């Protein structure tokens, strides 16, 4: 959203005037009691009193950027029902409320402003000017932006008009407003930066009753991913001879570390259960450190095995990839993927499950 700013440098030599109604930008030095803040400013956090006091002391020395104001009459043409709120103030601040608040806090009597009556040409132009300051901030609060877009939708009469004003799609407007569907507690987490925007928008699509649970699940998943990553890094830095055996569930197959990808086991392995599938060559390519142990079939269960490859033990048999073994598959994913790849994979699975649940419901 493009901001409309007029710097003091651009107004160098401009006449200092206090007569409202001019269409050209005019630099003014106004007493604070002649100014009033608009209620349409979406900004909620202006900093602590200490922050504002420090800012006010800097303004006492030099105010590098003026606030932007419109006349009381111009403002009331747009919102006639605001007359009581504005009171007797001559101007309404469209941009620069923090400078106004800081000046009040340190007892600074005046504020340098630029009077731009064109800002009050329409509700859209005024609201855009209000938002321009917030959009230019490096620490822009996503919830404040969402509030600003929601205000524009309300005041302009629909999302279509806001989209047209900014040459955006209606979907873009909906994405900005979506964060306001979060509970107040989760909105605060977005504002503080503790909840990523991508995660916030996913959770905002859920009913409020389950949003807190969804956030807790995300945090738990992230914790497990970090622990898994830490274990992998620890294993990678441990010499092979001293590496501990991987932990597995009691009913999970044993894990071995073959020299090459096609895992082989000697005929001396313990007898394989009668219901175990016959071993077949694994279709996967590339080396793997974690592979389930598969014992050779007992006599009569399978046809004669194929001839061993060159250099391979004649008493060894190839191993089948256990597609139906969730424990093994999880270990393989954790080992073969980076943390970012694993997160994307898990998020994709979670989205797929939610979509299935939504379709079923």
Protein backbone atom coordinates (compact mmCIF):
# COMPACT_ATOMS: atom_id res chain seq x y z
CA UNK A 1 0.00 0.00 0.00
CA UNK A 2 1.65 3.16 -1.17
CA UNK A 3 2.04 5.88 1.43
CA UNK A 4 1.68 9.56 0.71
CA UNK A 5 4.51 11.34 2.51
CA UNK A 6 5.78 14.94 2.32
CA UNK A 7 9.16 15.50 3.92
CA UNK A 8 10.34 18.72 5.50
CA UNK A 9 13.13 18.85 2.96
CA UNK A 10 10.59 18.90 0.13
CA UNK A 11 8.83 21.77 1.85
CA UNK A 12 11.95 23.82 2.49
CA UNK A 13 11.01 27.46 2.31
CA UNK A 14 7.30 26.70 2.40
CA UNK A 15 5.11 29.25 4.04
CA UNK A 16 4.09 28.49 7.64
CA UNK A 17 0.34 28.93 7.71
CA UNK A 18 -2.46 28.14 10.10
CA UNK A 19 -5.46 28.71 7.81
CA UNK A 20 -7.26 25.46 6.94
CA UNK A 21 -8.78 24.65 3.58
CA UNK A 22 -5.71 24.93 1.34
CA UNK A 23 -5.45 22.22 -1.33
CA UNK A 24 -1.65 22.44 -1.65
CA UNK A 25 0.52 20.97 1.12
CA UNK A 26 1.25 23.62 3.74
CA UNK A 27 3.75 23.30 6.57
CA UNK A 28 2.24 24.33 9.91
CA UNK A 29 3.41 24.53 13.49
CA UNK A 30 0.29 23.92 15.57
CA UNK A 31 -0.47 23.82 19.30
CA UNK A 32 -1.37 20.31 20.40
CA UNK A 33 -4.82 21.37 21.60
CA UNK A 34 -5.80 22.18 18.01
CA UNK A 35 -5.11 18.60 16.92
CA UNK A 36 -7.17 15.45 17.29
CA UNK A 37 -6.32 11.82 16.45
CA UNK A 38 -8.58 9.82 14.18
CA UNK A 39 -10.20 6.71 15.59
CA UNK A 40 -9.38 4.81 12.38
CA UNK A 41 -5.70 4.38 13.18
CA UNK A 42 -5.20 0.58 13.39
CA UNK A 43 -2.02 0.89 15.42
CA UNK A 44 -2.41 -0.58 18.91
CA UNK A 45 1.14 -0.51 20.24
CA UNK A 46 2.79 2.91 20.44
CA UNK A 47 5.55 1.72 22.76
CA UNK A 48 5.99 2.06 26.49
CA UNK A 49 5.84 5.41 28.25
CA UNK A 50 9.62 5.29 28.47
CA UNK A 51 9.88 4.74 24.72
CA UNK A 52 7.50 7.62 24.03
CA UNK A 53 9.33 9.87 26.48
CA UNK A 54 12.68 9.21 24.76
CA UNK A 55 11.04 9.88 21.41
CA UNK A 56 9.50 13.10 22.71
CA UNK A 57 12.89 14.36 23.92
CA UNK A 58 14.29 13.77 20.43
CA UNK A 59 11.37 15.70 18.93
CA UNK A 60 12.16 18.61 21.24
CA UNK A 61 15.59 18.88 19.64
CA UNK A 62 14.48 18.32 16.06
CA UNK A 63 11.39 16.94 14.33
CA UNK A 64 12.62 15.53 11.03
CA UNK A 65 9.25 14.45 9.69
CA UNK A 66 5.97 16.31 10.10
CA UNK A 67 2.63 14.72 10.82
CA UNK A 68 -0.07 14.82 8.13
CA UNK A 69 -3.40 16.48 8.96
CA UNK A 70 -6.67 17.42 7.33
CA UNK A 71 -9.06 20.15 8.37
CA UNK A 72 -11.89 19.44 10.76
CA UNK A 73 -14.40 20.41 8.08
CA UNK A 74 -12.82 18.08 5.51
CA UNK A 75 -12.82 15.19 7.96
CA UNK A 76 -16.46 15.70 8.96
CA UNK A 77 -17.53 15.69 5.32
CA UNK A 78 -16.38 12.08 5.22
CA UNK A 79 -17.68 11.09 8.66
CA UNK A 80 -20.32 13.57 9.90
CA UNK A 81 -21.04 11.46 12.99
CA UNK A 82 -17.49 12.09 14.24
CA UNK A 83 -18.23 15.72 15.20
CA UNK A 84 -18.64 15.04 18.90
CA UNK A 85 -15.49 12.94 19.01
CA UNK A 86 -13.39 15.59 17.24
CA UNK A 87 -14.71 18.33 19.50
CA UNK A 88 -13.30 21.82 18.89
CA UNK A 89 -10.01 20.66 17.33
CA UNK A 90 -9.17 22.44 14.05
CA UNK A 91 -7.33 19.51 12.47
CA UNK A 92 -7.44 15.72 12.49
CA UNK A 93 -4.20 13.73 12.33
CA UNK A 94 -4.12 11.23 9.47
CA UNK A 95 -0.49 10.28 9.94
CA UNK A 96 1.72 10.92 12.97
CA UNK A 97 -0.22 9.94 16.09
CA UNK A 98 2.92 8.59 17.80
CA UNK A 99 4.66 11.95 17.37
CA UNK A 100 1.58 13.61 18.86
CA UNK A 101 1.51 11.24 21.85
CA UNK A 102 5.24 11.63 22.50
CA UNK A 103 4.96 15.42 22.39
CA UNK A 104 2.11 15.36 24.91
CA UNK A 105 4.10 13.13 27.26
CA UNK A 106 7.14 15.43 27.44
CA UNK A 107 5.16 18.67 27.53
CA UNK A 108 6.13 19.80 24.05
CA UNK A 109 3.62 22.52 23.17
CA UNK A 110 3.53 22.30 19.37
CA UNK A 111 3.81 19.78 16.58
CA UNK A 112 5.01 20.39 13.03
CA UNK A 113 2.47 19.10 10.54
CA UNK A 114 1.71 19.17 6.83
CA UNK A 115 -1.83 20.20 6.04
CA UNK A 116 -2.98 18.13 3.03
CA UNK A 117 -6.64 18.57 2.31
CA UNK A 118 -6.42 16.23 -0.67
CA UNK A 119 -5.99 13.38 1.83
CA UNK A 120 -9.65 13.96 2.77
CA UNK A 121 -10.83 13.71 -0.84
CA UNK A 122 -12.47 10.36 -0.05
CA UNK A 123 -12.71 7.83 2.72
CA UNK A 124 -10.36 5.57 0.79
CA UNK A 125 -7.65 8.22 0.41
CA UNK A 126 -7.85 9.17 4.10
CA UNK A 127 -7.71 5.58 5.34
CA UNK A 128 -4.81 4.89 2.97
CA UNK A 129 -2.91 7.84 4.45
CA UNK A 130 -3.63 6.52 7.94
CA UNK A 131 -2.21 3.14 7.00
CA UNK A 132 0.82 4.42 5.10
CA UNK A 133 2.72 5.23 8.28
CA UNK A 134 2.11 1.78 9.70
CA UNK A 135 3.03 0.03 6.46
CA UNK A 136 6.33 1.91 6.34
CA UNK A 137 7.30 0.68 9.80
CA UNK A 138 9.92 -2.04 9.87
CA UNK A 139 8.18 -3.75 12.79
CA UNK A 140 4.74 -3.72 11.20
CA UNK A 141 2.25 -5.68 13.28
CA UNK A 142 0.31 -8.11 11.04
CA UNK A 143 -2.75 -7.84 13.27
CA UNK A 144 -2.72 -4.05 12.95
CA UNK A 145 -2.59 -4.42 9.18
CA UNK A 146 -5.51 -6.83 9.32
CA UNK A 147 -7.47 -4.33 11.42
CA UNK A 148 -6.69 -1.60 8.90
CA UNK A 149 -7.96 -3.68 5.97
CA UNK A 150 -11.05 -4.67 7.94
CA UNK A 151 -11.73 -0.98 8.66
CA UNK A 152 -11.44 -0.14 4.98
CA UNK A 153 -13.83 -2.96 4.05
CA UNK A 154 -16.36 -1.60 6.54
CA UNK A 155 -15.96 2.07 5.62
CA UNK A 156 -15.78 1.60 1.84
CA UNK A 157 -18.63 -0.87 1.69
CA UNK A 158 -17.08 -4.20 0.75
CA UNK A 159 -13.93 -6.17 0.00
CA UNK A 160 -14.35 -5.65 -3.75
CA UNK A 161 -13.92 -1.89 -3.39
CA UNK A 162 -10.80 -2.29 -1.25
CA UNK A 163 -9.32 -4.74 -3.74
CA UNK A 164 -10.03 -2.37 -6.61
CA UNK A 165 -8.53 0.60 -4.74
CA UNK A 166 -5.23 -1.25 -4.20
CA UNK A 167 -5.35 -3.08 -7.56
CA UNK A 168 -5.38 -6.36 -5.66
CA UNK A 169 -7.57 -9.44 -5.81
CA UNK A 170 -10.42 -10.09 -3.45
CA UNK A 171 -8.46 -13.11 -2.24
CA UNK A 172 -5.62 -10.81 -1.16
CA UNK A 173 -8.05 -8.80 0.94
CA UNK A 174 -9.44 -11.99 2.49
CA UNK A 175 -5.93 -13.18 3.37
CA UNK A 176 -5.20 -9.92 5.21
CA UNK A 177 -8.45 -10.09 7.17
CA UNK A 178 -8.18 -13.79 7.99
CA UNK A 179 -5.93 -13.21 11.00
CA UNK A 180 -8.79 -11.47 12.80
CA UNK A 181 -10.57 -14.84 13.03
CA UNK A 182 -7.97 -15.93 15.59
CA UNK A 183 -8.79 -15.75 19.27
CA UNK A 184 -7.52 -12.67 21.10
CA UNK A 185 -4.82 -14.73 22.81
CA UNK A 186 -3.48 -16.06 19.51
CA UNK A 187 -3.66 -12.60 17.92
CA UNK A 188 -1.33 -11.38 20.66
CA UNK A 189 1.10 -14.17 19.76
CA UNK A 190 1.05 -13.02 16.13
CA UNK A 191 1.64 -9.40 17.16
CA UNK A 192 4.60 -10.38 19.34
CA UNK A 193 6.10 -12.51 16.56
CA UNK A 194 5.81 -15.75 18.54
CA UNK A 195 3.41 -17.27 16.01
CA UNK A 196 4.51 -17.35 12.34
CA UNK A 197 2.07 -15.79 9.86
CA UNK A 198 1.90 -18.97 7.80
CA UNK A 199 0.89 -21.02 10.83
CA UNK A 200 -1.49 -18.30 12.03
CA UNK A 201 -3.42 -18.29 8.76
CA UNK A 202 -3.77 -22.08 8.84
CA UNK A 203 -5.09 -22.02 12.40
CA UNK A 204 -7.38 -19.06 11.65
CA UNK A 205 -9.32 -21.34 9.29
CA UNK A 206 -10.30 -23.57 12.23
CA UNK A 207 -13.16 -23.00 14.70
CA UNK A 208 -12.13 -20.89 17.68
CA UNK A 209 -12.81 -23.80 20.04
CA UNK A 210 -9.95 -25.86 18.58
CA UNK A 211 -7.48 -23.11 17.66
CA UNK A 212 -5.63 -23.32 20.97
CA UNK A 213 -5.30 -27.09 20.62
CA UNK A 214 -3.99 -26.73 17.06
CA UNK A 215 -1.33 -24.28 18.25
CA UNK A 216 -0.31 -26.64 21.04
CA UNK A 217 0.02 -29.48 18.51
CA UNK A 218 2.22 -27.30 16.32
CA UNK A 219 4.50 -26.48 19.25
CA UNK A 220 4.76 -30.15 20.22
CA UNK A 221 5.56 -31.14 16.65
CA UNK A 222 8.28 -28.52 16.45
CA UNK A 223 9.74 -29.74 19.75
CA UNK A 224 9.89 -33.33 18.52
CA UNK A 225 11.46 -32.23 15.24
CA UNK A 226 14.17 -30.30 17.07
CA UNK A 227 14.89 -33.25 19.33
CA UNK A 228 15.10 -35.57 16.34
CA UNK A 229 17.43 -33.18 14.57
CA UNK A 230 19.62 -32.91 17.65
CA UNK A 231 19.86 -36.71 17.90
CA UNK A 232 20.82 -37.00 14.25
CA UNK A 233 23.51 -34.36 14.60
CA UNK A 234 24.83 -36.15 17.67
CA UNK A 235 24.91 -39.47 15.83
CA UNK A 236 26.67 -37.89 12.87
CA UNK A 237 29.44 -36.57 15.13
CA UNK A 238 29.91 -39.90 16.94
CA UNK A 239 32.60 -42.28 15.55
CA UNK A 240 31.01 -45.38 13.97
CA UNK A 241 32.73 -47.80 16.37
CA UNK A 242 31.27 -46.06 19.41
CA UNK A 243 27.88 -45.17 17.99
CA UNK A 244 25.03 -46.50 20.17
CA UNK A 245 22.41 -48.78 18.66
CA UNK A 246 19.28 -46.93 17.51
CA UNK A 247 16.33 -47.07 19.82
CA UNK A 248 13.24 -48.82 18.51
CA UNK A 249 9.81 -49.93 19.62
CA UNK A 250 9.57 -53.44 21.12
CA UNK A 251 7.65 -54.72 18.10
CA UNK A 252 9.76 -52.90 15.51
CA UNK A 253 12.29 -54.82 13.39
CA UNK A 254 15.95 -54.68 14.32
CA UNK A 255 18.13 -52.13 12.53
CA UNK A 256 21.44 -52.83 10.81
CA UNK A 257 24.00 -50.71 9.02
CA UNK A 258 25.07 -52.45 5.79
CA UNK A 259 28.15 -51.65 3.77
CA UNK A 260 26.09 -50.96 0.63
CA UNK A 261 22.44 -50.25 0.02
CA UNK A 262 21.25 -53.81 -0.76
CA UNK A 263 21.18 -55.26 2.72
CA UNK A 264 22.20 -58.89 3.14
CA UNK A 265 22.09 -61.14 6.17
CA UNK A 266 23.98 -64.37 6.77
CA UNK A 267 22.19 -67.69 6.91
CA UNK A 268 23.13 -67.90 10.55
CA UNK A 269 20.53 -65.26 11.50
CA UNK A 270 17.77 -66.39 13.90
CA UNK A 271 14.93 -68.23 12.27
CA UNK A 272 12.42 -65.93 10.59
CA UNK A 273 8.78 -66.12 11.73
CA UNK A 274 6.52 -68.23 9.55
CA UNK A 275 4.28 -65.29 8.64
CA UNK A 276 7.13 -62.97 7.56
CA UNK A 277 7.12 -61.98 3.86
CA UNK A 278 9.81 -63.46 1.65
CA UNK A 279 12.77 -61.15 1.00
CA UNK A 280 12.93 -59.37 -2.33
CA UNK A 281 15.38 -56.77 -3.65
CA UNK A 282 14.71 -53.26 -2.33
CA UNK A 283 13.49 -50.85 -5.04
CA UNK A 284 14.93 -47.75 -3.35
CA UNK A 285 18.16 -46.20 -4.56
CA UNK A 286 20.94 -44.58 -2.58
CA UNK A 287 22.71 -45.57 0.62
CA UNK A 288 20.78 -46.01 3.84
CA UNK A 289 22.12 -46.30 7.36
CA UNK A 290 18.95 -47.54 9.01
CA UNK A 291 17.51 -50.73 7.54
CA UNK A 292 15.31 -53.39 9.20
CA UNK A 293 16.81 -56.82 9.69
CA UNK A 294 15.22 -59.53 7.54
CA UNK A 295 16.18 -63.13 8.18
CA UNK A 296 16.40 -65.68 5.32
CA UNK A 297 13.31 -67.78 4.59
CA UNK A 298 13.04 -71.27 5.94
CA UNK A 299 13.28 -74.18 3.56
CA UNK A 300 10.21 -74.58 1.34
CA UNK A 301 8.83 -71.07 1.79
CA UNK A 302 10.28 -69.57 -1.38
CA UNK A 303 11.87 -70.63 -4.61
CA UNK A 304 15.62 -70.82 -4.82
CA UNK A 305 17.18 -67.37 -4.42
CA UNK A 306 18.93 -65.76 -7.36
CA UNK A 307 22.67 -66.12 -7.73
CA UNK A 308 24.59 -63.68 -5.52
CA UNK A 309 26.20 -60.65 -7.10
CA UNK A 310 29.93 -60.57 -7.58
CA UNK A 311 31.70 -60.06 -4.26
CA UNK A 312 28.55 -60.92 -2.30
CA UNK A 313 28.40 -63.79 0.15
CA UNK A 314 26.68 -66.88 -1.31
CA UNK A 315 24.90 -67.35 2.03
CA UNK A 316 23.32 -63.90 1.93
CA UNK A 317 19.90 -62.96 0.64
CA UNK A 318 18.54 -59.51 -0.42
CA UNK A 319 16.15 -57.66 1.87
CA UNK A 320 12.62 -56.48 1.22
CA UNK A 321 11.71 -52.80 1.93
CA UNK A 322 9.00 -52.91 4.65
CA UNK A 323 6.50 -50.42 3.24
CA UNK A 324 3.95 -51.27 5.93
CA UNK A 325 6.36 -50.59 8.80
CA UNK A 326 5.57 -47.09 10.08
CA UNK A 327 8.43 -47.07 12.59
CA UNK A 328 11.01 -47.83 9.94
CA UNK A 329 9.53 -45.28 7.51
CA UNK A 330 9.61 -42.56 10.15
CA UNK A 331 13.26 -43.26 10.94
CA UNK A 332 14.13 -43.17 7.26
CA UNK A 333 12.37 -39.80 6.77
CA UNK A 334 14.12 -38.26 9.77
CA UNK A 335 17.49 -39.55 8.61
CA UNK A 336 17.21 -38.65 4.93
CA UNK A 337 15.54 -35.23 5.25
CA UNK A 338 16.80 -31.92 6.53
CA UNK A 339 14.85 -30.19 9.30
CA UNK A 340 13.20 -27.84 6.78
CA UNK A 341 12.27 -30.69 4.43
CA UNK A 342 10.84 -32.71 7.30
CA UNK A 343 8.79 -29.73 8.50
CA UNK A 344 7.35 -29.20 5.02
CA UNK A 345 6.51 -32.90 4.74
CA UNK A 346 4.76 -32.98 8.13
CA UNK A 347 2.86 -29.76 7.43
CA UNK A 348 1.73 -31.15 4.10
CA UNK A 349 0.46 -34.32 5.75
CA UNK A 350 -1.33 -32.28 8.43
CA UNK A 351 -3.04 -30.09 5.83
CA UNK A 352 -4.09 -33.18 3.91
CA UNK A 353 -5.61 -34.74 7.02
CA UNK A 354 -7.50 -31.54 7.87
CA UNK A 355 -8.86 -31.33 4.34
CA UNK A 356 -10.03 -34.93 4.54
CA UNK A 357 -11.70 -34.23 7.86
CA UNK A 358 -13.34 -31.11 6.45
CA UNK A 359 -14.58 -32.98 3.38
CA UNK A 360 -15.91 -35.80 5.56
CA UNK A 361 -17.64 -33.35 7.89
